[in-house]
Amino acid sequence: DGTCASSRTCAMVNCQYGCEEVKGQVQCLCPSGGLQ
């Protein structure tokens, strides 16, 4: 829904632009399709 939820696992990964958890795996995100 666009909100930000606390995630201890995300804090440990230290992503530049935030992250998401998929099936227990933490993945960093990029805010644009022109970034990888």
Full PDB file with SEQRES, HELIX, SHEET, SSBOND, CRYST1, ORIGX, SCALE, CONECT and MASTER records, all heavy atoms in Angstrom:
SEQRES   1 A   36  ASP GLY THR CYS ALA SER SER ARG THR CYS ALA MET VAL          
SEQRES   2 A   36  ASN CYS GLN TYR GLY CYS GLU GLU VAL LYS GLY GLN VAL          
SEQRES   3 A   36  GLN CYS LEU CYS PRO SER GLY GLY LEU GLN                      
HELIX    1 AA1 ARG A    8  VAL A   13  1                                   6    
SHEET    1 AA1 2 CYS A  19  VAL A  22  0                                        
SHEET    2 AA1 2 GLN A  25  CYS A  28 -1                                        
SSBOND   1 CYS A   10    CYS A   19                          1555   1555  1.58  
SSBOND   2 CYS A   15    CYS A   28                          1555   1555  1.99  
CRYST1    1.000    1.000    1.000  90.00  90.00  90.00 P 1           1          
ORIGX1      1.000000  0.000000  0.000000        0.00000                         
ORIGX2      0.000000  1.000000  0.000000        0.00000                         
ORIGX3      0.000000  0.000000  1.000000        0.00000                         
SCALE1      1.000000  0.000000  0.000000        0.00000                         
SCALE2      0.000000  1.000000  0.000000        0.00000                         
SCALE3      0.000000  0.000000  1.000000        0.00000                         
ATOM      1  N   ASP A   1       0.818  -1.221   0.000  1.00  0.00           N  
ATOM      2  CA  ASP A   1       0.000   0.000   0.000  1.00  0.00           C  
ATOM      3  C   ASP A   1       0.856   1.278   0.000  1.00  0.00           C  
ATOM      4  O   ASP A   1       0.335   2.384   0.122  1.00  0.00           O  
ATOM      5  CB  ASP A   1      -0.968   0.007   1.193  1.00  0.00           C  
ATOM      6  CG  ASP A   1      -0.240   0.061   2.539  1.00  0.00           C  
ATOM      7  OD1 ASP A   1       1.012  -0.013   2.554  1.00  0.00           O  
ATOM      8  OD2 ASP A   1      -0.921   0.191   3.577  1.00  0.00           O  
ATOM      9  N   GLY A   2       2.166   1.129  -0.104  1.00  0.00           N  
ATOM     10  CA  GLY A   2       3.044   2.303  -0.168  1.00  0.00           C  
ATOM     11  C   GLY A   2       3.579   2.769   1.172  1.00  0.00           C  
ATOM     12  O   GLY A   2       4.383   3.695   1.231  1.00  0.00           O  
ATOM     13  N   THR A   3       3.135   2.130   2.271  1.00  0.00           N  
ATOM     14  CA  THR A   3       3.642   2.519   3.588  1.00  0.00           C  
ATOM     15  C   THR A   3       4.952   1.789   3.864  1.00  0.00           C  
ATOM     16  O   THR A   3       5.329   0.873   3.137  1.00  0.00           O  
ATOM     17  CB  THR A   3       2.618   2.183   4.706  1.00  0.00           C  
ATOM     18  OG1 THR A   3       2.362   0.773   4.671  1.00  0.00           O  
ATOM     19  CG2 THR A   3       1.316   2.952   4.523  1.00  0.00           C  
ATOM     20  N   CYS A   4       5.633   2.207   4.932  1.00  0.00           N  
ATOM     21  CA  CYS A   4       6.904   1.591   5.299  1.00  0.00           C  
ATOM     22  C   CYS A   4       6.743   0.847   6.623  1.00  0.00           C  
ATOM     23  O   CYS A   4       6.274   1.417   7.602  1.00  0.00           O  
ATOM     24  CB  CYS A   4       7.979   2.663   5.438  1.00  0.00           C  
ATOM     25  SG  CYS A   4       8.320   3.506   3.888  1.00  0.00           S  
ATOM     26  N   ALA A   5       7.077  -0.424   6.625  1.00  0.00           N  
ATOM     27  CA  ALA A   5       6.954  -1.238   7.837  1.00  0.00           C  
ATOM     28  C   ALA A   5       8.342  -1.610   8.334  1.00  0.00           C  
ATOM     29  O   ALA A   5       9.242  -1.891   7.545  1.00  0.00           O  
ATOM     30  CB  ALA A   5       6.141  -2.495   7.544  1.00  0.00           C  
ATOM     31  N   SER A   6       8.483  -1.604   9.669  1.00  0.00           N  
ATOM     32  CA  SER A   6       9.772  -1.944  10.269  1.00  0.00           C  
ATOM     33  C   SER A   6      10.133  -3.387   9.943  1.00  0.00           C  
ATOM     34  O   SER A   6       9.293  -4.281   9.942  1.00  0.00           O  
ATOM     35  CB  SER A   6       9.686  -1.763  11.781  1.00  0.00           C  
ATOM     36  OG  SER A   6      10.912  -2.150  12.360  1.00  0.00           O  
ATOM     37  N   SER A   7      11.395  -3.595   9.630  1.00  0.00           N  
ATOM     38  CA  SER A   7      11.832  -4.942   9.297  1.00  0.00           C  
ATOM     39  C   SER A   7      13.264  -5.117   9.756  1.00  0.00           C  
ATOM     40  O   SER A   7      14.178  -4.502   9.230  1.00  0.00           O  
ATOM     41  CB  SER A   7      11.741  -5.143   7.782  1.00  0.00           C  
ATOM     42  OG  SER A   7      12.479  -6.277   7.416  1.00  0.00           O  
ATOM     43  N   ARG A   8      13.431  -5.924  10.764  1.00  0.00           N  
ATOM     44  CA  ARG A   8      14.781  -6.106  11.310  1.00  0.00           C  
ATOM     45  C   ARG A   8      15.693  -6.736  10.277  1.00  0.00           C  
ATOM     46  O   ARG A   8      16.857  -6.416  10.206  1.00  0.00           O  
ATOM     47  CB  ARG A   8      14.716  -6.985  12.553  1.00  0.00           C  
ATOM     48  CG  ARG A   8      14.102  -6.186  13.670  1.00  0.00           C  
ATOM     49  CD  ARG A   8      14.144  -6.872  14.966  1.00  0.00           C  
ATOM     50  NE  ARG A   8      13.537  -5.961  15.926  1.00  0.00           N  
ATOM     51  CZ  ARG A   8      13.488  -6.190  17.190  1.00  0.00           C  
ATOM     52  NH1 ARG A   8      13.992  -7.287  17.681  1.00  0.00           N  
ATOM     53  NH2 ARG A   8      12.938  -5.335  18.005  1.00  0.00           N  
ATOM     54  N   THR A   9      15.118  -7.604   9.476  1.00  0.00           N  
ATOM     55  CA  THR A   9      15.961  -8.245   8.459  1.00  0.00           C  
ATOM     56  C   THR A   9      16.408  -7.210   7.438  1.00  0.00           C  
ATOM     57  O   THR A   9      17.532  -7.242   6.979  1.00  0.00           O  
ATOM     58  CB  THR A   9      15.204  -9.394   7.768  1.00  0.00           C  
ATOM     59  OG1 THR A   9      13.902  -8.942   7.464  1.00  0.00           O  
ATOM     60  CG2 THR A   9      15.125 -10.611   8.636  1.00  0.00           C  
ATOM     61  N   CYS A  10      15.525  -6.231   7.106  1.00  0.00           N  
ATOM     62  CA  CYS A  10      15.898  -5.179   6.164  1.00  0.00           C  
ATOM     63  C   CYS A  10      17.030  -4.333   6.742  1.00  0.00           C  
ATOM     64  O   CYS A  10      17.955  -3.964   6.037  1.00  0.00           O  
ATOM     65  CB  CYS A  10      14.714  -4.268   5.851  1.00  0.00           C  
ATOM     66  SG  CYS A  10      13.818  -4.780   4.377  1.00  0.00           S  
ATOM     67  N   ALA A  11      16.942  -4.024   8.029  1.00  0.00           N  
ATOM     68  CA  ALA A  11      17.976  -3.208   8.685  1.00  0.00           C  
ATOM     69  C   ALA A  11      19.330  -3.900   8.566  1.00  0.00           C  
ATOM     70  O   ALA A  11      20.359  -3.255   8.389  1.00  0.00           O  
ATOM     71  CB  ALA A  11      17.618  -2.981  10.134  1.00  0.00           C  
ATOM     72  N   MET A  12      19.316  -5.213   8.663  1.00  0.00           N  
ATOM     73  CA  MET A  12      20.573  -5.956   8.599  1.00  0.00           C  
ATOM     74  C   MET A  12      21.166  -5.935   7.181  1.00  0.00           C  
ATOM     75  O   MET A  12      22.374  -5.950   7.009  1.00  0.00           O  
ATOM     76  CB  MET A  12      20.346  -7.403   9.057  1.00  0.00           C  
ATOM     77  CG  MET A  12      20.051  -7.472  10.559  1.00  0.00           C  
ATOM     78  SD  MET A  12      19.235  -8.980  11.027  1.00  0.00           S  
ATOM     79  CE  MET A  12      20.580 -10.133  10.986  1.00  0.00           C  
ATOM     80  N   VAL A  13      20.301  -5.880   6.178  1.00  0.00           N  
ATOM     81  CA  VAL A  13      20.783  -5.892   4.791  1.00  0.00           C  
ATOM     82  C   VAL A  13      21.360  -4.531   4.391  1.00  0.00           C  
ATOM     83  O   VAL A  13      22.274  -4.451   3.591  1.00  0.00           O  
ATOM     84  CB  VAL A  13      19.646  -6.315   3.818  1.00  0.00           C  
ATOM     85  CG1 VAL A  13      20.101  -6.243   2.377  1.00  0.00           C  
ATOM     86  CG2 VAL A  13      19.181  -7.717   4.136  1.00  0.00           C  
ATOM     87  N   ASN A  14      20.820  -3.438   4.972  1.00  0.00           N  
ATOM     88  CA  ASN A  14      21.323  -2.084   4.722  1.00  0.00           C  
ATOM     89  C   ASN A  14      21.218  -1.694   3.244  1.00  0.00           C  
ATOM     90  O   ASN A  14      22.212  -1.375   2.592  1.00  0.00           O  
ATOM     91  CB  ASN A  14      22.774  -1.977   5.222  1.00  0.00           C  
ATOM     92  CG  ASN A  14      23.222  -0.531   5.336  1.00  0.00           C  
ATOM     93  OD1 ASN A  14      22.397   0.376   5.339  1.00  0.00           O  
ATOM     94  ND2 ASN A  14      24.512  -0.317   5.414  1.00  0.00           N  
ATOM     95  N   CYS A  15      19.987  -1.710   2.702  1.00  0.00           N  
ATOM     96  CA  CYS A  15      19.750  -1.355   1.299  1.00  0.00           C  
ATOM     97  C   CYS A  15      19.775   0.161   1.104  1.00  0.00           C  
ATOM     98  O   CYS A  15      19.358   0.904   1.988  1.00  0.00           O  
ATOM     99  CB  CYS A  15      18.383  -1.862   0.835  1.00  0.00           C  
ATOM    100  SG  CYS A  15      18.211  -3.653   0.873  1.00  0.00           S  
ATOM    101  N   GLN A  16      20.216   0.597  -0.065  1.00  0.00           N  
ATOM    102  CA  GLN A  16      20.252   2.029  -0.382  1.00  0.00           C  
ATOM    103  C   GLN A  16      18.836   2.607  -0.500  1.00  0.00           C  
ATOM    104  O   GLN A  16      18.581   3.713  -0.042  1.00  0.00           O  
ATOM    105  CB  GLN A  16      21.019   2.238  -1.700  1.00  0.00           C  
ATOM    106  CG  GLN A  16      21.159   3.701  -2.107  1.00  0.00           C  
ATOM    107  CD  GLN A  16      21.815   3.879  -3.462  1.00  0.00           C  
ATOM    108  OE1 GLN A  16      21.963   2.942  -4.230  1.00  0.00           O  
ATOM    109  NE2 GLN A  16      22.224   5.097  -3.764  1.00  0.00           N  
ATOM    110  N   TYR A  17      17.922   1.870  -1.156  1.00  0.00           N  
ATOM    111  CA  TYR A  17      16.561   2.383  -1.405  1.00  0.00           C  
ATOM    112  C   TYR A  17      15.476   1.512  -0.778  1.00  0.00           C  
ATOM    113  O   TYR A  17      14.397   1.390  -1.320  1.00  0.00           O  
ATOM    114  CB  TYR A  17      16.292   2.474  -2.909  1.00  0.00           C  
ATOM    115  CG  TYR A  17      17.067   3.549  -3.625  1.00  0.00           C  
ATOM    116  CD1 TYR A  17      18.087   3.227  -4.508  1.00  0.00           C  
ATOM    117  CD2 TYR A  17      16.763   4.884  -3.441  1.00  0.00           C  
ATOM    118  CE1 TYR A  17      18.788   4.212  -5.180  1.00  0.00           C  
ATOM    119  CE2 TYR A  17      17.461   5.879  -4.109  1.00  0.00           C  
ATOM    120  CZ  TYR A  17      18.472   5.543  -4.972  1.00  0.00           C  
ATOM    121  OH  TYR A  17      19.155   6.523  -5.641  1.00  0.00           O  
ATOM    122  N   GLY A  18      15.767   0.851   0.337  1.00  0.00           N  
ATOM    123  CA  GLY A  18      14.745   0.017   0.963  1.00  0.00           C  
ATOM    124  C   GLY A  18      14.674  -1.359   0.327  1.00  0.00           C  
ATOM    125  O   GLY A  18      15.389  -1.655  -0.634  1.00  0.00           O  
ATOM    126  N   CYS A  19      13.810  -2.198   0.899  1.00  0.00           N  
ATOM    127  CA  CYS A  19      13.782  -3.581   0.421  1.00  0.00           C  
ATOM    128  C   CYS A  19      12.403  -4.193   0.563  1.00  0.00           C  
ATOM    129  O   CYS A  19      11.483  -3.560   1.057  1.00  0.00           O  
ATOM    130  CB  CYS A  19      14.806  -4.404   1.194  1.00  0.00           C  
ATOM    131  SG  CYS A  19      14.438  -4.466   2.957  1.00  0.00           S  
ATOM    132  N   GLU A  20      12.292  -5.432   0.142  1.00  0.00           N  
ATOM    133  CA  GLU A  20      11.047  -6.188   0.303  1.00  0.00           C  
ATOM    134  C   GLU A  20      11.411  -7.612   0.703  1.00  0.00           C  
ATOM    135  O   GLU A  20      12.514  -8.086   0.410  1.00  0.00           O  
ATOM    136  CB  GLU A  20      10.225  -6.170  -0.996  1.00  0.00           C  
ATOM    137  CG  GLU A  20      10.877  -6.880  -2.157  1.00  0.00           C  
ATOM    138  CD  GLU A  20      10.028  -6.851  -3.425  1.00  0.00           C  
ATOM    139  OE1 GLU A  20       8.897  -6.343  -3.386  1.00  0.00           O  
ATOM    140  OE2 GLU A  20      10.517  -7.351  -4.452  1.00  0.00           O  
ATOM    141  N   GLU A  21      10.480  -8.248   1.387  1.00  0.00           N  
ATOM    142  CA  GLU A  21      10.704  -9.642   1.790  1.00  0.00           C  
ATOM    143  C   GLU A  21       9.821 -10.537   0.945  1.00  0.00           C  
ATOM    144  O   GLU A  21       8.622 -10.330   0.854  1.00  0.00           O  
ATOM    145  CB  GLU A  21      10.376  -9.820   3.267  1.00  0.00           C  
ATOM    146  CG  GLU A  21      11.496  -9.371   4.179  1.00  0.00           C  
ATOM    147  CD  GLU A  21      11.180  -9.654   5.635  1.00  0.00           C  
ATOM    148  OE1 GLU A  21      11.240 -10.840   6.022  1.00  0.00           O  
ATOM    149  OE2 GLU A  21      10.865  -8.704   6.352  1.00  0.00           O  
ATOM    150  N   VAL A  22      10.450 -11.486   0.291  1.00  0.00           N  
ATOM    151  CA  VAL A  22       9.707 -12.447  -0.519  1.00  0.00           C  
ATOM    152  C   VAL A  22      10.057 -13.847  -0.015  1.00  0.00           C  
ATOM    153  O   VAL A  22      11.204 -14.261  -0.083  1.00  0.00           O  
ATOM    154  CB  VAL A  22      10.060 -12.314  -2.026  1.00  0.00           C  
ATOM    155  CG1 VAL A  22       9.234 -13.274  -2.855  1.00  0.00           C  
ATOM    156  CG2 VAL A  22       9.851 -10.891  -2.508  1.00  0.00           C  
ATOM    157  N   LYS A  23       9.036 -14.529   0.510  1.00  0.00           N  
ATOM    158  CA  LYS A  23       9.208 -15.895   1.045  1.00  0.00           C  
ATOM    159  C   LYS A  23      10.412 -15.984   1.996  1.00  0.00           C  
ATOM    160  O   LYS A  23      11.283 -16.840   1.858  1.00  0.00           O  
ATOM    161  CB  LYS A  23       9.377 -16.898  -0.107  1.00  0.00           C  
ATOM    162  CG  LYS A  23       8.127 -17.022  -0.970  1.00  0.00           C  
ATOM    163  CD  LYS A  23       8.356 -17.976  -2.122  1.00  0.00           C  
ATOM    164  CE  LYS A  23       7.157 -17.979  -3.048  1.00  0.00           C  
ATOM    165  NZ  LYS A  23       7.466 -18.371  -4.400  1.00  0.00           N  
ATOM    166  N   GLY A  24      10.462 -15.011   2.901  1.00  0.00           N  
ATOM    167  CA  GLY A  24      11.527 -15.032   3.911  1.00  0.00           C  
ATOM    168  C   GLY A  24      12.863 -14.515   3.421  1.00  0.00           C  
ATOM    169  O   GLY A  24      13.793 -14.344   4.205  1.00  0.00           O  
ATOM    170  N   GLN A  25      12.987 -14.265   2.127  1.00  0.00           N  
ATOM    171  CA  GLN A  25      14.233 -13.727   1.576  1.00  0.00           C  
ATOM    172  C   GLN A  25      14.126 -12.210   1.483  1.00  0.00           C  
ATOM    173  O   GLN A  25      13.099 -11.681   1.058  1.00  0.00           O  
ATOM    174  CB  GLN A  25      14.482 -14.278   0.160  1.00  0.00           C  
ATOM    175  CG  GLN A  25      14.834 -15.749   0.124  1.00  0.00           C  
ATOM    176  CD  GLN A  25      16.267 -15.974   0.563  1.00  0.00           C  
ATOM    177  OE1 GLN A  25      16.530 -16.214   1.731  1.00  0.00           O  
ATOM    178  NE2 GLN A  25      17.195 -15.864  -0.379  1.00  0.00           N  
ATOM    179  N   VAL A  26      15.185 -11.511   1.851  1.00  0.00           N  
ATOM    180  CA  VAL A  26      15.193 -10.049   1.763  1.00  0.00           C  
ATOM    181  C   VAL A  26      15.863  -9.635   0.455  1.00  0.00           C  
ATOM    182  O   VAL A  26      16.945 -10.108   0.134  1.00  0.00           O  
ATOM    183  CB  VAL A  26      15.949  -9.440   2.967  1.00  0.00           C  
ATOM    184  CG1 VAL A  26      16.020  -7.930   2.822  1.00  0.00           C  
ATOM    185  CG2 VAL A  26      15.265  -9.805   4.254  1.00  0.00           C  
ATOM    186  N   GLN A  27      15.167  -8.780  -0.292  1.00  0.00           N  
ATOM    187  CA  GLN A  27      15.713  -8.295  -1.563  1.00  0.00           C  
ATOM    188  C   GLN A  27      15.734  -6.779  -1.555  1.00  0.00           C  
ATOM    189  O   GLN A  27      14.736  -6.146  -1.218  1.00  0.00           O  
ATOM    190  CB  GLN A  27      14.813  -8.746  -2.717  1.00  0.00           C  
ATOM    191  CG  GLN A  27      15.223 -10.044  -3.343  1.00  0.00           C  
ATOM    192  CD  GLN A  27      14.302 -10.348  -4.530  1.00  0.00           C  
ATOM    193  OE1 GLN A  27      13.117 -10.073  -4.501  1.00  0.00           O  
ATOM    194  NE2 GLN A  27      14.866 -10.910  -5.574  1.00  0.00           N  
ATOM    195  N   CYS A  28      16.872  -6.187  -1.921  1.00  0.00           N  
ATOM    196  CA  CYS A  28      16.937  -4.724  -2.043  1.00  0.00           C  
ATOM    197  C   CYS A  28      16.194  -4.303  -3.310  1.00  0.00           C  
ATOM    198  O   CYS A  28      16.132  -5.055  -4.275  1.00  0.00           O  
ATOM    199  CB  CYS A  28      18.391  -4.269  -2.111  1.00  0.00           C  
ATOM    200  SG  CYS A  28      19.281  -4.510  -0.564  1.00  0.00           S  
ATOM    201  N   LEU A  29      15.643  -3.085  -3.268  1.00  0.00           N  
ATOM    202  CA  LEU A  29      14.864  -2.568  -4.396  1.00  0.00           C  
ATOM    203  C   LEU A  29      15.526  -1.343  -5.003  1.00  0.00           C  
ATOM    204  O   LEU A  29      16.240  -0.612  -4.317  1.00  0.00           O  
ATOM    205  CB  LEU A  29      13.466  -2.150  -3.926  1.00  0.00           C  
ATOM    206  CG  LEU A  29      12.545  -3.229  -3.399  1.00  0.00           C  
ATOM    207  CD1 LEU A  29      11.290  -2.601  -2.818  1.00  0.00           C  
ATOM    208  CD2 LEU A  29      12.161  -4.191  -4.510  1.00  0.00           C  
ATOM    209  N   CYS A  30      15.254  -1.103  -6.278  1.00  0.00           N  
ATOM    210  CA  CYS A  30      15.653   0.137  -6.946  1.00  0.00           C  
ATOM    211  C   CYS A  30      14.377   0.875  -7.344  1.00  0.00           C  
ATOM    212  O   CYS A  30      13.424   0.251  -7.802  1.00  0.00           O  
ATOM    213  CB  CYS A  30      16.498  -0.163  -8.182  1.00  0.00           C  
ATOM    214  SG  CYS A  30      18.121  -0.815  -7.769  1.00  0.00           S  
ATOM    215  N   PRO A  31      14.342   2.216  -7.154  1.00  0.00           N  
ATOM    216  CA  PRO A  31      13.091   2.951  -7.381  1.00  0.00           C  
ATOM    217  C   PRO A  31      12.717   3.175  -8.842  1.00  0.00           C  
ATOM    218  O   PRO A  31      11.685   3.739  -9.127  1.00  0.00           O  
ATOM    219  CB  PRO A  31      13.354   4.295  -6.690  1.00  0.00           C  
ATOM    220  CG  PRO A  31      14.817   4.449  -6.712  1.00  0.00           C  
ATOM    221  CD  PRO A  31      15.407   3.076  -6.647  1.00  0.00           C  
ATOM    222  N   SER A  32      13.539   2.727  -9.777  1.00  0.00           N  
ATOM    223  CA  SER A  32      13.231   2.952 -11.189  1.00  0.00           C  
ATOM    224  C   SER A  32      13.697   1.772 -12.025  1.00  0.00           C  
ATOM    225  O   SER A  32      14.703   1.130 -11.703  1.00  0.00           O  
ATOM    226  CB  SER A  32      13.926   4.242 -11.647  1.00  0.00           C  
ATOM    227  OG  SER A  32      14.175   4.230 -13.011  1.00  0.00           O  
ATOM    228  N   GLY A  33      12.987   1.511 -13.124  1.00  0.00           N  
ATOM    229  CA  GLY A  33      13.354   0.420 -14.030  1.00  0.00           C  
ATOM    230  C   GLY A  33      14.670   0.684 -14.753  1.00  0.00           C  
ATOM    231  O   GLY A  33      15.268  -0.229 -15.305  1.00  0.00           O  
ATOM    232  N   GLY A  34      15.122   1.936 -14.728  1.00  0.00           N  
ATOM    233  CA  GLY A  34      16.385   2.294 -15.366  1.00  0.00           C  
ATOM    234  C   GLY A  34      17.578   2.141 -14.435  1.00  0.00           C  
ATOM    235  O   GLY A  34      18.694   2.540 -14.753  1.00  0.00           O  
ATOM    236  N   LEU A  35      17.321   1.555 -13.253  1.00  0.00           N  
ATOM    237  CA  LEU A  35      18.393   1.279 -12.283  1.00  0.00           C  
ATOM    238  C   LEU A  35      18.431  -0.208 -12.016  1.00  0.00           C  
ATOM    239  O   LEU A  35      17.407  -0.881 -12.082  1.00  0.00           O  
ATOM    240  CB  LEU A  35      18.135   2.020 -10.958  1.00  0.00           C  
ATOM    241  CG  LEU A  35      18.084   3.543 -10.999  1.00  0.00           C  
ATOM    242  CD1 LEU A  35      17.634   4.093  -9.654  1.00  0.00           C  
ATOM    243  CD2 LEU A  35      19.428   4.131 -11.376  1.00  0.00           C  
ATOM    244  N   GLN A  36      19.608  -0.722 -11.699  1.00  0.00           N  
ATOM    245  CA  GLN A  36      19.714  -2.137 -11.342  1.00  0.00           C  
ATOM    246  C   GLN A  36      20.597  -2.271 -10.109  1.00  0.00           C  
ATOM    247  O   GLN A  36      21.414  -1.398  -9.823  1.00  0.00           O  
ATOM    248  CB  GLN A  36      20.285  -2.942 -12.505  1.00  0.00           C  
ATOM    249  CG  GLN A  36      21.712  -2.573 -12.874  1.00  0.00           C  
ATOM    250  CD  GLN A  36      22.210  -3.301 -14.107  1.00  0.00           C  
ATOM    251  OE1 GLN A  36      21.452  -3.933 -14.816  1.00  0.00           O  
ATOM    252  NE2 GLN A  36      23.505  -3.219 -14.359  1.00  0.00           N  
TER     253      GLN A  36                                                      
CONECT   66  131                                                                
CONECT  100  200                                                                
CONECT  131   66                                                                
CONECT  200  100                                                                
MASTER        0    0    0    1    2    0    0    6  252    1    4    3          
END                                                                             
